[in-house]
PDB file of N, CA and C in Angstrom:
ATOM      1  N   MET A   1      72.716 -51.203 124.757  1.00  0.00           N
ATOM      2  CA  MET A   1      71.875 -50.915 125.912  1.00  0.00           C
ATOM      3  C   MET A   1      70.430 -51.321 125.574  1.00  0.00           C
ATOM      4  N   THR A   2      69.798 -52.042 126.467  1.00  0.00           N
ATOM      5  CA  THR A   2      68.428 -52.489 126.222  1.00  0.00           C
ATOM      6  C   THR A   2      67.453 -51.319 126.342  1.00  0.00           C
ATOM      7  N   LEU A   3      66.259 -51.522 125.802  1.00  0.00           N
ATOM      8  CA  LEU A   3      65.228 -50.488 125.874  1.00  0.00           C
ATOM      9  C   LEU A   3      64.902 -50.166 127.332  1.00  0.00           C
ATOM     10  N   GLN A   4      64.803 -51.202 128.168  1.00  0.00           N
ATOM     11  CA  GLN A   4      64.499 -50.991 129.582  1.00  0.00           C
ATOM     12  C   GLN A   4      65.593 -50.164 130.252  1.00  0.00           C
ATOM     13  N   ALA A   5      66.844 -50.439 129.934  1.00  0.00           N
ATOM     14  CA  ALA A   5      67.960 -49.691 130.515  1.00  0.00           C
ATOM     15  C   ALA A   5      67.930 -48.232 130.046  1.00  0.00           C
ATOM     16  N   GLN A   6      67.607 -48.021 128.765  1.00  0.00           N
ATOM     17  CA  GLN A   6      67.496 -46.660 128.237  1.00  0.00           C
ATOM     18  C   GLN A   6      66.353 -45.914 128.920  1.00  0.00           C
ATOM     19  N   PHE A   7      65.241 -46.625 129.153  1.00  0.00           N
ATOM     20  CA  PHE A   7      64.074 -46.048 129.825  1.00  0.00           C
ATOM     21  C   PHE A   7      64.449 -45.621 131.243  1.00  0.00           C
ATOM     22  N   GLU A   8      65.158 -46.472 131.946  1.00  0.00           N
ATOM     23  CA  GLU A   8      65.592 -46.156 133.309  1.00  0.00           C
ATOM     24  C   GLU A   8      66.575 -44.978 133.312  1.00  0.00           C
ATOM     25  N   GLN A   9      67.461 -44.918 132.318  1.00  0.00           N
ATOM     26  CA  GLN A   9      68.402 -43.805 132.225  1.00  0.00           C
ATOM     27  C   GLN A   9      67.648 -42.505 131.938  1.00  0.00           C
ATOM     28  N   ALA A  10      66.619 -42.565 131.086  1.00  0.00           N
ATOM     29  CA  ALA A  10      65.812 -41.383 130.769  1.00  0.00           C
ATOM     30  C   ALA A  10      65.078 -40.894 132.019  1.00  0.00           C
ATOM     31  N   GLN A  11      64.629 -41.839 132.867  1.00  0.00           N
ATOM     32  CA  GLN A  11      63.980 -41.450 134.123  1.00  0.00           C
ATOM     33  C   GLN A  11      64.955 -40.649 134.981  1.00  0.00           C
ATOM     34  N   ALA A  12      66.181 -41.122 135.082  1.00  0.00           N
ATOM     35  CA  ALA A  12      67.198 -40.409 135.869  1.00  0.00           C
ATOM     36  C   ALA A  12      67.492 -39.048 135.231  1.00  0.00           C
ATOM     37  N   ASP A  13      67.609 -39.022 133.913  1.00  0.00           N
ATOM     38  CA  ASP A  13      67.900 -37.770 133.207  1.00  0.00           C
ATOM     39  C   ASP A  13      66.767 -36.758 133.367  1.00  0.00           C
ATOM     40  N   SER A  14      65.537 -37.237 133.494  1.00  0.00           N
ATOM     41  CA  SER A  14      64.385 -36.328 133.585  1.00  0.00           C
ATOM     42  C   SER A  14      64.444 -35.464 134.847  1.00  0.00           C
ATOM     43  N   LYS A  15      65.160 -35.931 135.851  1.00  0.00           N
ATOM     44  CA  LYS A  15      65.270 -35.176 137.106  1.00  0.00           C
ATOM     45  C   LYS A  15      66.332 -34.078 137.025  1.00  0.00           C
ATOM     46  N   ASN A  16      67.124 -34.078 135.954  1.00  0.00           N
ATOM     47  CA  ASN A  16      68.224 -33.119 135.814  1.00  0.00           C
ATOM     48  C   ASN A  16      68.139 -32.326 134.516  1.00  0.00           C
ATOM     49  N   LEU A  17      66.943 -32.028 134.074  1.00  0.00           N
ATOM     50  CA  LEU A  17      66.786 -31.248 132.843  1.00  0.00           C
ATOM     51  C   LEU A  17      67.266 -29.814 133.074  1.00  0.00           C
ATOM     52  N   PRO A  18      67.784 -29.168 132.017  1.00  0.00           N
ATOM     53  CA  PRO A  18      68.298 -27.808 132.185  1.00  0.00           C
ATOM     54  C   PRO A  18      67.232 -26.805 132.619  1.00  0.00           C
ATOM     55  N   GLU A  19      65.991 -27.007 132.199  1.00  0.00           N
ATOM     56  CA  GLU A  19      64.905 -26.137 132.654  1.00  0.00           C
ATOM     57  C   GLU A  19      63.625 -26.949 132.790  1.00  0.00           C
ATOM     58  N   ARG A  20      62.726 -26.453 133.633  1.00  0.00           N
ATOM     59  CA  ARG A  20      61.467 -27.160 133.894  1.00  0.00           C
ATOM     60  C   ARG A  20      60.558 -27.058 132.673  1.00  0.00           C
ATOM     61  N   PRO A  21      60.073 -28.213 132.163  1.00  0.00           N
ATOM     62  CA  PRO A  21      59.163 -28.181 131.017  1.00  0.00           C
ATOM     63  C   PRO A  21      57.823 -27.534 131.387  1.00  0.00           C
ATOM     64  N   ASP A  22      57.092 -27.075 130.369  1.00  0.00           N
ATOM     65  CA  ASP A  22      55.764 -26.511 130.621  1.00  0.00           C
ATOM     66  C   ASP A  22      54.814 -27.629 131.064  1.00  0.00           C
ATOM     67  N   ASN A  23      53.659 -27.246 131.575  1.00  0.00           N
ATOM     68  CA  ASN A  23      52.719 -28.215 132.147  1.00  0.00           C
ATOM     69  C   ASN A  23      52.247 -29.265 131.139  1.00  0.00           C
ATOM     70  N   MET A  24      52.007 -28.863 129.900  1.00  0.00           N
ATOM     71  CA  MET A  24      51.551 -29.833 128.900  1.00  0.00           C
ATOM     72  C   MET A  24      52.637 -30.880 128.637  1.00  0.00           C
ATOM     73  N   THR A  25      53.883 -30.445 128.593  1.00  0.00           N
ATOM     74  CA  THR A  25      54.989 -31.384 128.389  1.00  0.00           C
ATOM     75  C   THR A  25      55.142 -32.291 129.597  1.00  0.00           C
ATOM     76  N   LEU A  26      54.978 -31.718 130.792  1.00  0.00           N
ATOM     77  CA  LEU A  26      55.050 -32.543 132.009  1.00  0.00           C
ATOM     78  C   LEU A  26      53.972 -33.622 132.008  1.00  0.00           C
ATOM     79  N   LEU A  27      52.770 -33.273 131.552  1.00  0.00           N
ATOM     80  CA  LEU A  27      51.695 -34.268 131.481  1.00  0.00           C
ATOM     81  C   LEU A  27      52.039 -35.357 130.464  1.00  0.00           C
ATOM     82  N   LYS A  28      52.634 -34.965 129.350  1.00  0.00           N
ATOM     83  CA  LYS A  28      53.028 -35.949 128.339  1.00  0.00           C
ATOM     84  C   LYS A  28      54.101 -36.881 128.904  1.00  0.00           C
ATOM     85  N   ILE A  29      55.068 -36.303 129.618  1.00  0.00           N
ATOM     86  CA  ILE A  29      56.115 -37.110 130.255  1.00  0.00           C
ATOM     87  C   ILE A  29      55.481 -38.103 131.225  1.00  0.00           C
ATOM     88  N   TYR A  30      54.555 -37.617 132.044  1.00  0.00           N
ATOM     89  CA  TYR A  30      53.891 -38.474 133.025  1.00  0.00           C
ATOM     90  C   TYR A  30      53.135 -39.616 132.331  1.00  0.00           C
ATOM     91  N   GLY A  31      52.338 -39.264 131.316  1.00  0.00           N
ATOM     92  CA  GLY A  31      51.551 -40.277 130.611  1.00  0.00           C
ATOM     93  C   GLY A  31      52.428 -41.337 129.972  1.00  0.00           C
ATOM     94  N   LEU A  32      53.497 -40.912 129.308  1.00  0.00           N
ATOM     95  CA  LEU A  32      54.408 -41.871 128.675  1.00  0.00           C
ATOM     96  C   LEU A  32      55.107 -42.738 129.711  1.00  0.00           C
ATOM     97  N   TYR A  33      55.488 -42.134 130.841  1.00  0.00           N
ATOM     98  CA  TYR A  33      56.135 -42.913 131.897  1.00  0.00           C
ATOM     99  C   TYR A  33      55.193 -43.989 132.433  1.00  0.00           C
ATOM    100  N   LYS A  34      53.959 -43.585 132.745  1.00  0.00           N
ATOM    101  CA  LYS A  34      52.998 -44.544 133.300  1.00  0.00           C
ATOM    102  C   LYS A  34      52.674 -45.646 132.293  1.00  0.00           C
ATOM    103  N   GLN A  35      52.480 -45.281 131.024  1.00  0.00           N
ATOM    104  CA  GLN A  35      52.175 -46.281 130.002  1.00  0.00           C
ATOM    105  C   GLN A  35      53.371 -47.210 129.813  1.00  0.00           C
ATOM    106  N   GLY A  36      54.573 -46.638 129.837  1.00  0.00           N
ATOM    107  CA  GLY A  36      55.781 -47.440 129.646  1.00  0.00           C
ATOM    108  C   GLY A  36      56.104 -48.341 130.817  1.00  0.00           C
ATOM    109  N   SER A  37      55.700 -47.947 132.015  1.00  0.00           N
ATOM    110  CA  SER A  37      56.023 -48.756 133.188  1.00  0.00           C
ATOM    111  C   SER A  37      54.870 -49.644 133.652  1.00  0.00           C
ATOM    112  N   SER A  38      53.608 -49.207 133.422  1.00  0.00           N
ATOM    113  CA  SER A  38      52.464 -49.945 133.964  1.00  0.00           C
ATOM    114  C   SER A  38      51.473 -50.443 132.921  1.00  0.00           C
ATOM    115  N   GLY A  39      51.561 -49.956 131.682  1.00  0.00           N
ATOM    116  CA  GLY A  39      50.574 -50.331 130.678  1.00  0.00           C
ATOM    117  C   GLY A  39      49.366 -49.403 130.739  1.00  0.00           C
ATOM    118  N   ASP A  40      48.237 -49.871 130.212  1.00  0.00           N
ATOM    119  CA  ASP A  40      47.035 -49.041 130.121  1.00  0.00           C
ATOM    120  C   ASP A  40      46.571 -48.533 131.486  1.00  0.00           C
ATOM    121  N   ALA A  41      45.943 -47.348 131.453  1.00  0.00           N
ATOM    122  CA  ALA A  41      45.432 -46.714 132.675  1.00  0.00           C
ATOM    123  C   ALA A  41      44.450 -47.637 133.383  1.00  0.00           C
ATOM    124  N   THR A  42      44.537 -47.648 134.705  1.00  0.00           N
ATOM    125  CA  THR A  42      43.649 -48.477 135.513  1.00  0.00           C
ATOM    126  C   THR A  42      42.948 -47.593 136.533  1.00  0.00           C
ATOM    127  N   GLY A  43      41.944 -48.133 137.134  1.00  0.00           N
ATOM    128  CA  GLY A  43      41.222 -47.402 138.168  1.00  0.00           C
ATOM    129  C   GLY A  43      40.248 -46.398 137.583  1.00  0.00           C
ATOM    130  N   ASP A  44      39.514 -45.749 138.466  1.00  0.00           N
ATOM    131  CA  ASP A  44      38.534 -44.755 138.051  1.00  0.00           C
ATOM    132  C   ASP A  44      39.203 -43.410 137.828  1.00  0.00           C
ATOM    133  N   ARG A  45      38.614 -42.632 136.940  1.00  0.00           N
ATOM    134  CA  ARG A  45      39.092 -41.279 136.694  1.00  0.00           C
ATOM    135  C   ARG A  45      38.837 -40.446 137.951  1.00  0.00           C
ATOM    136  N   PRO A  46      39.845 -39.685 138.417  1.00  0.00           N
ATOM    137  CA  PRO A  46      39.647 -38.852 139.611  1.00  0.00           C
ATOM    138  C   PRO A  46      38.503 -37.860 139.425  1.00  0.00           C
ATOM    139  N   GLY A  47      37.918 -37.449 140.531  1.00  0.00           N
ATOM    140  CA  GLY A  47      36.761 -36.556 140.508  1.00  0.00           C
ATOM    141  C   GLY A  47      37.090 -35.142 140.060  1.00  0.00           C
ATOM    142  N   MET A  48      36.050 -34.350 139.866  1.00  0.00           N
ATOM    143  CA  MET A  48      36.174 -32.986 139.356  1.00  0.00           C
ATOM    144  C   MET A  48      37.031 -32.088 140.252  1.00  0.00           C
ATOM    145  N   THR A  49      37.067 -32.353 141.541  1.00  0.00           N
ATOM    146  CA  THR A  49      37.814 -31.482 142.449  1.00  0.00           C
ATOM    147  C   THR A  49      39.317 -31.797 142.474  1.00  0.00           C
ATOM    148  N   ASP A  50      39.697 -32.941 141.940  1.00  0.00           N
ATOM    149  CA  ASP A  50      41.116 -33.324 141.889  1.00  0.00           C
ATOM    150  C   ASP A  50      41.663 -32.979 140.503  1.00  0.00           C
ATOM    151  N   PHE A  51      41.930 -31.684 140.295  1.00  0.00           N
ATOM    152  CA  PHE A  51      42.334 -31.206 138.974  1.00  0.00           C
ATOM    153  C   PHE A  51      43.632 -31.847 138.487  1.00  0.00           C
ATOM    154  N   VAL A  52      44.626 -31.905 139.369  1.00  0.00           N
ATOM    155  CA  VAL A  52      45.926 -32.450 138.984  1.00  0.00           C
ATOM    156  C   VAL A  52      45.814 -33.946 138.706  1.00  0.00           C
ATOM    157  N   GLY A  53      45.193 -34.682 139.615  1.00  0.00           N
ATOM    158  CA  GLY A  53      45.031 -36.118 139.438  1.00  0.00           C
ATOM    159  C   GLY A  53      44.256 -36.453 138.177  1.00  0.00           C
ATOM    160  N   ARG A  54      43.235 -35.661 137.910  1.00  0.00           N
ATOM    161  CA  ARG A  54      42.409 -35.874 136.717  1.00  0.00           C
ATOM    162  C   ARG A  54      43.220 -35.621 135.443  1.00  0.00           C
ATOM    163  N   ALA A  55      44.003 -34.545 135.419  1.00  0.00           N
ATOM    164  CA  ALA A  55      44.824 -34.230 134.247  1.00  0.00           C
ATOM    165  C   ALA A  55      45.871 -35.318 134.015  1.00  0.00           C
ATOM    166  N   LYS A  56      46.478 -35.799 135.090  1.00  0.00           N
ATOM    167  CA  LYS A  56      47.481 -36.854 134.964  1.00  0.00           C
ATOM    168  C   LYS A  56      46.847 -38.146 134.451  1.00  0.00           C
ATOM    169  N   TRP A  57      45.701 -38.499 135.006  1.00  0.00           N
ATOM    170  CA  TRP A  57      45.021 -39.724 134.582  1.00  0.00           C
ATOM    171  C   TRP A  57      44.619 -39.618 133.110  1.00  0.00           C
ATOM    172  N   ASP A  58      44.110 -38.454 132.713  1.00  0.00           N
ATOM    173  CA  ASP A  58      43.710 -38.244 131.310  1.00  0.00           C
ATOM    174  C   ASP A  58      44.913 -38.371 130.377  1.00  0.00           C
ATOM    175  N   ALA A  59      46.065 -37.808 130.776  1.00  0.00           N
ATOM    176  CA  ALA A  59      47.278 -37.905 129.953  1.00  0.00           C
ATOM    177  C   ALA A  59      47.697 -39.359 129.779  1.00  0.00           C
ATOM    178  N   TRP A  60      47.579 -40.134 130.833  1.00  0.00           N
ATOM    179  CA  TRP A  60      47.912 -41.557 130.783  1.00  0.00           C
ATOM    180  C   TRP A  60      46.896 -42.304 129.942  1.00  0.00           C
ATOM    181  N   ASN A  61      45.613 -42.019 130.146  1.00  0.00           N
ATOM    182  CA  ASN A  61      44.551 -42.739 129.452  1.00  0.00           C
ATOM    183  C   ASN A  61      44.560 -42.470 127.945  1.00  0.00           C
ATOM    184  N   GLU A  62      45.064 -41.312 127.521  1.00  0.00           N
ATOM    185  CA  GLU A  62      45.149 -41.006 126.083  1.00  0.00           C
ATOM    186  C   GLU A  62      46.046 -41.986 125.345  1.00  0.00           C
ATOM    187  N   LEU A  63      46.936 -42.637 126.060  1.00  0.00           N
ATOM    188  CA  LEU A  63      47.880 -43.581 125.451  1.00  0.00           C
ATOM    189  C   LEU A  63      47.375 -45.017 125.471  1.00  0.00           C
ATOM    190  N   LYS A  64      46.140 -45.204 125.893  1.00  0.00           N
ATOM    191  CA  LYS A  64      45.554 -46.541 125.993  1.00  0.00           C
ATOM    192  C   LYS A  64      45.703 -47.284 124.660  1.00  0.00           C
ATOM    193  N   GLY A  65      46.171 -48.500 124.739  1.00  0.00           N
ATOM    194  CA  GLY A  65      46.352 -49.317 123.550  1.00  0.00           C
ATOM    195  C   GLY A  65      47.773 -49.287 123.009  1.00  0.00           C
ATOM    196  N   SER A  66      48.575 -48.304 123.436  1.00  0.00           N
ATOM    197  CA  SER A  66      49.986 -48.262 123.039  1.00  0.00           C
ATOM    198  C   SER A  66      50.729 -49.367 123.784  1.00  0.00           C
ATOM    199  N   THR A  67      51.706 -49.946 123.128  1.00  0.00           N
ATOM    200  CA  THR A  67      52.506 -50.956 123.832  1.00  0.00           C
ATOM    201  C   THR A  67      53.433 -50.264 124.816  1.00  0.00           C
ATOM    202  N   GLN A  68      53.842 -50.988 125.825  1.00  0.00           N
ATOM    203  CA  GLN A  68      54.773 -50.429 126.802  1.00  0.00           C
ATOM    204  C   GLN A  68      56.081 -50.058 126.122  1.00  0.00           C
ATOM    205  N   GLU A  69      56.520 -50.877 125.164  1.00  0.00           N
ATOM    206  CA  GLU A  69      57.774 -50.608 124.473  1.00  0.00           C
ATOM    207  C   GLU A  69      57.693 -49.317 123.663  1.00  0.00           C
ATOM    208  N   ALA A  70      56.570 -49.103 122.965  1.00  0.00           N
ATOM    209  CA  ALA A  70      56.405 -47.876 122.174  1.00  0.00           C
ATOM    210  C   ALA A  70      56.398 -46.655 123.088  1.00  0.00           C
ATOM    211  N   ALA A  71      55.710 -46.754 124.222  1.00  0.00           N
ATOM    212  CA  ALA A  71      55.659 -45.642 125.169  1.00  0.00           C
ATOM    213  C   ALA A  71      57.042 -45.373 125.760  1.00  0.00           C
ATOM    214  N   GLN A  72      57.790 -46.436 126.049  1.00  0.00           N
ATOM    215  CA  GLN A  72      59.136 -46.256 126.588  1.00  0.00           C
ATOM    216  C   GLN A  72      60.024 -45.524 125.583  1.00  0.00           C
ATOM    217  N   GLN A  73      59.926 -45.903 124.302  1.00  0.00           N
ATOM    218  CA  GLN A  73      60.746 -45.263 123.275  1.00  0.00           C
ATOM    219  C   GLN A  73      60.363 -43.793 123.113  1.00  0.00           C
ATOM    220  N   GLN A  74      59.065 -43.492 123.144  1.00  0.00           N
ATOM    221  CA  GLN A  74      58.617 -42.102 123.040  1.00  0.00           C
ATOM    222  C   GLN A  74      59.097 -41.292 124.250  1.00  0.00           C
ATOM    223  N   TYR A  75      59.053 -41.913 125.422  1.00  0.00           N
ATOM    224  CA  TYR A  75      59.532 -41.258 126.646  1.00  0.00           C
ATOM    225  C   TYR A  75      61.019 -40.928 126.514  1.00  0.00           C
ATOM    226  N   ILE A  76      61.802 -41.899 126.080  1.00  0.00           N
ATOM    227  CA  ILE A  76      63.245 -41.710 125.901  1.00  0.00           C
ATOM    228  C   ILE A  76      63.506 -40.565 124.919  1.00  0.00           C
ATOM    229  N   ASP A  77      62.796 -40.590 123.781  1.00  0.00           N
ATOM    230  CA  ASP A  77      62.993 -39.553 122.758  1.00  0.00           C
ATOM    231  C   ASP A  77      62.616 -38.170 123.291  1.00  0.00           C
ATOM    232  N   LEU A  78      61.526 -38.085 124.051  1.00  0.00           N
ATOM    233  CA  LEU A  78      61.081 -36.800 124.589  1.00  0.00           C
ATOM    234  C   LEU A  78      62.101 -36.249 125.590  1.00  0.00           C
ATOM    235  N   ILE A  79      62.567 -37.089 126.503  1.00  0.00           N
ATOM    236  CA  ILE A  79      63.551 -36.638 127.486  1.00  0.00           C
ATOM    237  C   ILE A  79      64.839 -36.201 126.777  1.00  0.00           C
ATOM    238  N   GLU A  80      65.266 -36.960 125.765  1.00  0.00           N
ATOM    239  CA  GLU A  80      66.472 -36.587 125.004  1.00  0.00           C
ATOM    240  C   GLU A  80      66.297 -35.218 124.361  1.00  0.00           C
ATOM    241  N   SER A  81      65.117 -34.950 123.807  1.00  0.00           N
ATOM    242  CA  SER A  81      64.877 -33.666 123.146  1.00  0.00           C
ATOM    243  C   SER A  81      64.876 -32.507 124.144  1.00  0.00           C
ATOM    244  N   LEU A  82      64.520 -32.786 125.405  1.00  0.00           N
ATOM    245  CA  LEU A  82      64.479 -31.741 126.429  1.00  0.00           C
ATOM    246  C   LEU A  82      65.840 -31.469 127.051  1.00  0.00           C
ATOM    247  N   LYS A  83      66.793 -32.372 126.842  1.00  0.00           N
ATOM    248  CA  LYS A  83      68.120 -32.217 127.431  1.00  0.00           C
ATOM    249  C   LYS A  83      68.960 -31.182 126.687  1.00  0.00           C
ATOM    250  N   ASP A  84      68.625 -30.889 125.455  1.00  0.00           N
ATOM    251  CA  ASP A  84      69.427 -29.959 124.637  1.00  0.00           C
ATOM    252  C   ASP A  84      69.293 -28.531 125.085  1.00  0.00           C
TER     253      ASP A  84
END
């Protein structure tokens, strides 16, 4: 199975986790997904009043410089660890 196929399978698996991850883990999942699918963060950082958007953008931006492949592998590993 290719890395891209594993990444897509992990995306599907993420919707059926046995329990909802905590917010910090959800942000990590989001950041890894965005880095793995889109590369480095783009656009301006959301404003102070957009707490959720700002946290998500920050989680994505923390991975700046990581390759898409590395982010995809980390995403796959994280989702696998949450399935247990």
